[in-house]
N, C-alpha and C. Protein backbone atom coordinates (compact mmCIF):
# COMPACT_ATOMS: atom_id res chain seq x y z
N MET A 1 -15.95 -5.97 13.04
CA MET A 1 -16.64 -7.13 12.53
C MET A 1 -17.76 -7.54 13.49
N ALA A 2 -17.44 -7.54 14.78
CA ALA A 2 -18.44 -7.96 15.76
C ALA A 2 -19.63 -7.00 15.79
N ALA A 3 -19.34 -5.70 15.73
CA ALA A 3 -20.42 -4.71 15.81
C ALA A 3 -21.34 -4.76 14.60
N THR A 4 -20.79 -5.06 13.44
CA THR A 4 -21.59 -5.06 12.21
C THR A 4 -22.07 -6.45 11.80
N GLU A 5 -21.54 -7.47 12.44
CA GLU A 5 -21.84 -8.87 12.09
C GLU A 5 -21.56 -9.14 10.61
N ARG A 6 -20.46 -8.59 10.14
CA ARG A 6 -20.03 -8.78 8.76
C ARG A 6 -18.70 -9.52 8.75
N THR A 7 -18.35 -10.08 7.60
CA THR A 7 -17.07 -10.78 7.48
C THR A 7 -15.96 -9.75 7.36
N ARG A 8 -14.73 -10.22 7.51
CA ARG A 8 -13.56 -9.35 7.36
C ARG A 8 -13.55 -8.72 5.97
N ALA A 9 -13.84 -9.50 4.95
CA ALA A 9 -13.85 -8.98 3.57
C ALA A 9 -14.92 -7.91 3.39
N GLN A 10 -16.10 -8.11 3.98
CA GLN A 10 -17.16 -7.13 3.86
C GLN A 10 -16.80 -5.82 4.58
N VAL A 11 -16.19 -5.94 5.74
CA VAL A 11 -15.75 -4.75 6.47
C VAL A 11 -14.67 -4.02 5.68
N HIS A 12 -13.73 -4.76 5.12
CA HIS A 12 -12.66 -4.17 4.32
C HIS A 12 -13.25 -3.42 3.12
N THR A 13 -14.19 -4.04 2.43
CA THR A 13 -14.83 -3.40 1.27
C THR A 13 -15.59 -2.15 1.70
N GLY A 14 -16.29 -2.23 2.83
CA GLY A 14 -17.02 -1.08 3.33
C GLY A 14 -16.12 0.08 3.68
N LEU A 15 -14.99 -0.22 4.32
CA LEU A 15 -14.04 0.83 4.66
C LEU A 15 -13.43 1.46 3.41
N ALA A 16 -13.15 0.66 2.41
CA ALA A 16 -12.63 1.21 1.15
C ALA A 16 -13.65 2.15 0.52
N HIS A 17 -14.91 1.76 0.56
CA HIS A 17 -15.97 2.61 0.02
C HIS A 17 -16.08 3.91 0.84
N LEU A 18 -16.02 3.79 2.17
CA LEU A 18 -16.08 4.96 3.04
C LEU A 18 -14.94 5.93 2.71
N ARG A 19 -13.75 5.42 2.46
CA ARG A 19 -12.62 6.29 2.10
C ARG A 19 -12.90 7.04 0.81
N GLN A 20 -13.45 6.34 -0.18
CA GLN A 20 -13.74 6.99 -1.47
C GLN A 20 -14.82 8.05 -1.32
N VAL A 21 -15.87 7.75 -0.56
CA VAL A 21 -16.95 8.72 -0.35
C VAL A 21 -16.42 9.93 0.41
N ALA A 22 -15.64 9.68 1.46
CA ALA A 22 -15.08 10.78 2.24
C ALA A 22 -14.20 11.67 1.37
N ALA A 23 -13.38 11.08 0.53
CA ALA A 23 -12.51 11.86 -0.35
C ALA A 23 -13.33 12.68 -1.34
N ALA A 24 -14.38 12.08 -1.90
CA ALA A 24 -15.22 12.79 -2.87
C ALA A 24 -15.94 13.97 -2.23
N LYS A 25 -16.24 13.88 -0.93
CA LYS A 25 -16.96 14.95 -0.24
C LYS A 25 -16.03 15.93 0.46
N GLY A 26 -14.71 15.75 0.28
CA GLY A 26 -13.75 16.66 0.88
C GLY A 26 -13.54 16.45 2.37
N LEU A 27 -13.92 15.29 2.88
CA LEU A 27 -13.73 14.97 4.29
C LEU A 27 -12.31 14.50 4.53
N PRO A 28 -11.85 14.50 5.77
CA PRO A 28 -10.48 14.02 6.05
C PRO A 28 -10.36 12.53 5.76
N PRO A 29 -9.14 12.07 5.52
CA PRO A 29 -8.96 10.65 5.22
C PRO A 29 -9.26 9.77 6.43
N VAL A 30 -9.72 8.55 6.13
CA VAL A 30 -9.94 7.56 7.18
C VAL A 30 -8.61 6.85 7.39
N THR A 31 -8.11 6.91 8.63
CA THR A 31 -6.83 6.27 8.94
C THR A 31 -7.04 5.23 10.03
N TRP A 32 -6.03 4.42 10.26
CA TRP A 32 -6.07 3.40 11.31
C TRP A 32 -4.72 3.35 11.99
N ASP A 33 -4.74 3.19 13.30
CA ASP A 33 -3.51 2.90 14.04
C ASP A 33 -3.84 1.97 15.20
N LYS A 34 -2.80 1.40 15.80
CA LYS A 34 -2.98 0.40 16.85
C LYS A 34 -3.64 0.96 18.10
N ILE A 35 -3.39 2.22 18.40
CA ILE A 35 -3.92 2.82 19.62
C ILE A 35 -5.39 3.18 19.47
N TRP A 36 -5.75 3.88 18.39
CA TRP A 36 -7.09 4.45 18.24
C TRP A 36 -8.00 3.66 17.31
N GLY A 37 -7.45 2.78 16.49
CA GLY A 37 -8.27 2.09 15.49
C GLY A 37 -8.57 3.03 14.33
N TYR A 38 -9.75 2.91 13.74
CA TYR A 38 -10.15 3.74 12.61
C TYR A 38 -10.66 5.08 13.12
N ARG A 39 -10.28 6.15 12.40
CA ARG A 39 -10.76 7.48 12.74
C ARG A 39 -10.58 8.44 11.57
N MET A 40 -11.34 9.54 11.63
CA MET A 40 -11.24 10.61 10.64
C MET A 40 -10.85 11.87 11.41
N LEU A 41 -9.68 12.41 11.14
CA LEU A 41 -9.21 13.59 11.84
C LEU A 41 -9.10 14.75 10.86
N ASP A 42 -9.70 15.89 11.24
CA ASP A 42 -9.70 17.05 10.35
C ASP A 42 -8.31 17.62 10.09
N ASP A 43 -7.52 17.77 11.14
CA ASP A 43 -6.23 18.42 10.98
C ASP A 43 -5.16 17.63 11.72
N ALA A 44 -4.73 16.53 11.12
CA ALA A 44 -3.73 15.67 11.76
C ALA A 44 -2.77 15.11 10.71
N PRO A 45 -1.97 15.98 10.08
CA PRO A 45 -1.08 15.49 9.04
C PRO A 45 -0.11 14.42 9.53
N GLU A 46 0.29 14.47 10.82
CA GLU A 46 1.21 13.45 11.32
C GLU A 46 0.54 12.07 11.31
N VAL A 47 -0.77 12.02 11.55
CA VAL A 47 -1.51 10.75 11.48
C VAL A 47 -1.62 10.30 10.04
N TRP A 48 -1.97 11.22 9.16
CA TRP A 48 -2.10 10.87 7.74
C TRP A 48 -0.78 10.36 7.19
N ILE A 49 0.30 11.08 7.50
CA ILE A 49 1.62 10.70 7.00
C ILE A 49 2.04 9.36 7.56
N GLY A 50 1.79 9.11 8.83
CA GLY A 50 2.12 7.82 9.42
C GLY A 50 1.39 6.68 8.74
N TYR A 51 0.11 6.90 8.46
CA TYR A 51 -0.69 5.88 7.77
C TYR A 51 -0.16 5.65 6.35
N GLU A 52 0.13 6.74 5.66
CA GLU A 52 0.65 6.63 4.29
C GLU A 52 1.99 5.91 4.27
N ARG A 53 2.88 6.24 5.21
CA ARG A 53 4.18 5.56 5.26
C ARG A 53 4.03 4.07 5.52
N ALA A 54 3.11 3.72 6.42
CA ALA A 54 2.87 2.30 6.70
C ALA A 54 2.36 1.59 5.46
N PHE A 55 1.49 2.26 4.70
CA PHE A 55 0.98 1.68 3.45
C PHE A 55 2.12 1.48 2.46
N PHE A 56 2.94 2.51 2.26
CA PHE A 56 4.05 2.40 1.31
C PHE A 56 5.02 1.29 1.72
N GLU A 57 5.28 1.16 3.02
CA GLU A 57 6.18 0.11 3.51
C GLU A 57 5.59 -1.27 3.23
N ALA A 58 4.29 -1.44 3.45
CA ALA A 58 3.65 -2.73 3.19
C ALA A 58 3.70 -3.09 1.71
N VAL A 59 3.40 -2.12 0.85
CA VAL A 59 3.44 -2.37 -0.59
C VAL A 59 4.88 -2.63 -1.04
N HIS A 60 5.83 -1.88 -0.49
CA HIS A 60 7.24 -2.10 -0.81
C HIS A 60 7.65 -3.53 -0.48
N HIS A 61 7.23 -4.00 0.68
CA HIS A 61 7.56 -5.36 1.10
C HIS A 61 6.98 -6.39 0.12
N ARG A 62 5.76 -6.19 -0.31
CA ARG A 62 5.14 -7.11 -1.27
C ARG A 62 5.87 -7.10 -2.62
N VAL A 63 6.21 -5.90 -3.09
CA VAL A 63 6.93 -5.78 -4.36
C VAL A 63 8.31 -6.44 -4.25
N GLU A 64 8.99 -6.19 -3.15
CA GLU A 64 10.30 -6.79 -2.91
C GLU A 64 10.23 -8.32 -2.94
N ASN A 65 9.21 -8.88 -2.30
CA ASN A 65 9.04 -10.34 -2.31
C ASN A 65 8.69 -10.86 -3.70
N PHE A 66 7.89 -10.11 -4.45
CA PHE A 66 7.54 -10.52 -5.80
C PHE A 66 8.78 -10.54 -6.70
N ILE A 67 9.60 -9.52 -6.56
CA ILE A 67 10.84 -9.47 -7.36
C ILE A 67 11.73 -10.66 -7.01
N ALA A 68 11.94 -10.89 -5.71
CA ALA A 68 12.85 -11.96 -5.28
C ALA A 68 12.31 -13.35 -5.62
N GLY A 69 11.01 -13.56 -5.46
CA GLY A 69 10.46 -14.89 -5.62
C GLY A 69 9.99 -15.25 -7.01
N ILE A 70 9.64 -14.26 -7.81
CA ILE A 70 9.07 -14.53 -9.14
C ILE A 70 9.95 -13.99 -10.26
N LEU A 71 10.29 -12.72 -10.17
CA LEU A 71 10.99 -12.08 -11.29
C LEU A 71 12.46 -12.50 -11.39
N LEU A 72 13.18 -12.58 -10.28
CA LEU A 72 14.59 -12.97 -10.36
C LEU A 72 14.79 -14.37 -10.92
N PRO A 73 13.99 -15.38 -10.49
CA PRO A 73 14.13 -16.69 -11.13
C PRO A 73 13.84 -16.65 -12.64
N HIS A 74 12.85 -15.85 -13.03
CA HIS A 74 12.55 -15.69 -14.45
C HIS A 74 13.76 -15.08 -15.18
N GLN A 75 14.33 -14.05 -14.57
CA GLN A 75 15.48 -13.38 -15.17
C GLN A 75 16.67 -14.33 -15.28
N LYS A 76 16.87 -15.18 -14.29
CA LYS A 76 17.98 -16.13 -14.34
C LYS A 76 17.80 -17.16 -15.45
N LYS A 77 16.57 -17.57 -15.70
CA LYS A 77 16.32 -18.54 -16.76
C LYS A 77 16.40 -17.92 -18.15
N LYS A 78 15.97 -16.68 -18.28
CA LYS A 78 15.94 -16.00 -19.59
C LYS A 78 16.56 -14.62 -19.50
N PRO A 79 17.86 -14.52 -19.23
CA PRO A 79 18.48 -13.21 -19.01
C PRO A 79 18.45 -12.28 -20.22
N ASP A 80 18.33 -12.82 -21.43
CA ASP A 80 18.34 -11.97 -22.63
C ASP A 80 16.93 -11.63 -23.12
N ASP A 81 15.92 -12.07 -22.41
CA ASP A 81 14.54 -11.81 -22.81
C ASP A 81 14.22 -10.32 -22.61
N PRO A 82 13.84 -9.61 -23.68
CA PRO A 82 13.56 -8.19 -23.55
C PRO A 82 12.39 -7.89 -22.60
N TYR A 83 11.44 -8.80 -22.53
CA TYR A 83 10.31 -8.62 -21.62
C TYR A 83 10.78 -8.54 -20.18
N ILE A 84 11.54 -9.53 -19.74
CA ILE A 84 11.95 -9.56 -18.34
C ILE A 84 12.93 -8.43 -18.02
N ARG A 85 13.74 -8.03 -19.00
CA ARG A 85 14.63 -6.89 -18.76
C ARG A 85 13.82 -5.62 -18.51
N THR A 86 12.77 -5.41 -19.30
CA THR A 86 11.91 -4.24 -19.12
C THR A 86 11.17 -4.32 -17.79
N VAL A 87 10.63 -5.50 -17.48
CA VAL A 87 9.91 -5.67 -16.22
C VAL A 87 10.83 -5.41 -15.04
N MET A 88 12.04 -5.93 -15.06
CA MET A 88 12.98 -5.74 -13.95
C MET A 88 13.34 -4.26 -13.79
N ALA A 89 13.53 -3.57 -14.88
CA ALA A 89 13.86 -2.15 -14.80
C ALA A 89 12.71 -1.36 -14.18
N GLN A 90 11.49 -1.65 -14.63
CA GLN A 90 10.33 -0.93 -14.11
C GLN A 90 10.05 -1.28 -12.66
N MET A 91 10.16 -2.55 -12.32
CA MET A 91 9.89 -2.97 -10.94
C MET A 91 10.98 -2.44 -9.99
N GLY A 92 12.18 -2.34 -10.48
CA GLY A 92 13.25 -1.73 -9.67
C GLY A 92 12.92 -0.28 -9.36
N ALA A 93 12.40 0.43 -10.35
CA ALA A 93 12.02 1.83 -10.14
C ALA A 93 10.86 1.92 -9.16
N ILE A 94 9.89 1.03 -9.28
CA ILE A 94 8.74 1.02 -8.37
C ILE A 94 9.21 0.73 -6.94
N GLU A 95 10.06 -0.29 -6.80
CA GLU A 95 10.57 -0.64 -5.47
C GLU A 95 11.32 0.53 -4.84
N SER A 96 12.17 1.16 -5.63
CA SER A 96 12.93 2.30 -5.14
C SER A 96 12.02 3.44 -4.70
N THR A 97 11.00 3.73 -5.50
CA THR A 97 10.05 4.81 -5.18
C THR A 97 9.30 4.50 -3.89
N LEU A 98 8.81 3.27 -3.75
CA LEU A 98 8.10 2.90 -2.54
C LEU A 98 8.99 2.99 -1.30
N HIS A 99 10.22 2.56 -1.44
CA HIS A 99 11.16 2.64 -0.32
C HIS A 99 11.39 4.11 0.06
N LEU A 100 11.57 4.95 -0.93
CA LEU A 100 11.76 6.37 -0.67
C LEU A 100 10.54 6.98 0.03
N LEU A 101 9.34 6.66 -0.46
CA LEU A 101 8.12 7.22 0.12
C LEU A 101 7.90 6.74 1.55
N ALA A 102 8.24 5.48 1.82
CA ALA A 102 8.05 4.93 3.16
C ALA A 102 9.00 5.56 4.17
N ASN A 103 10.14 6.04 3.70
CA ASN A 103 11.17 6.57 4.60
C ASN A 103 11.40 8.07 4.45
N LEU A 104 10.58 8.74 3.70
CA LEU A 104 10.73 10.17 3.45
C LEU A 104 10.54 10.97 4.73
N GLU A 105 11.43 11.88 4.99
CA GLU A 105 11.33 12.74 6.19
C GLU A 105 10.74 14.06 5.85
């Protein structure tokens, strides 16, 4: 942010665009870690996998919180509602998949 004099949102949008352009051109993925920051590594599957696992874990956490804070209260109020039954089944599958991907060896 300091180097570009842009806001956090602008930097985030720029990095998302850079990832899409890099992928379209066959370049290595743009990853981030606490030690090195942002980087593009040609042959570093352990870095890519670490970044992907961290992403899956973050999304899993958000889905888990959404289920606990929004969907479960809805389900308790309307347990026979076909909509919420379908949503709970699908979100359970999504949560399970994200958890598996975050912890896959």
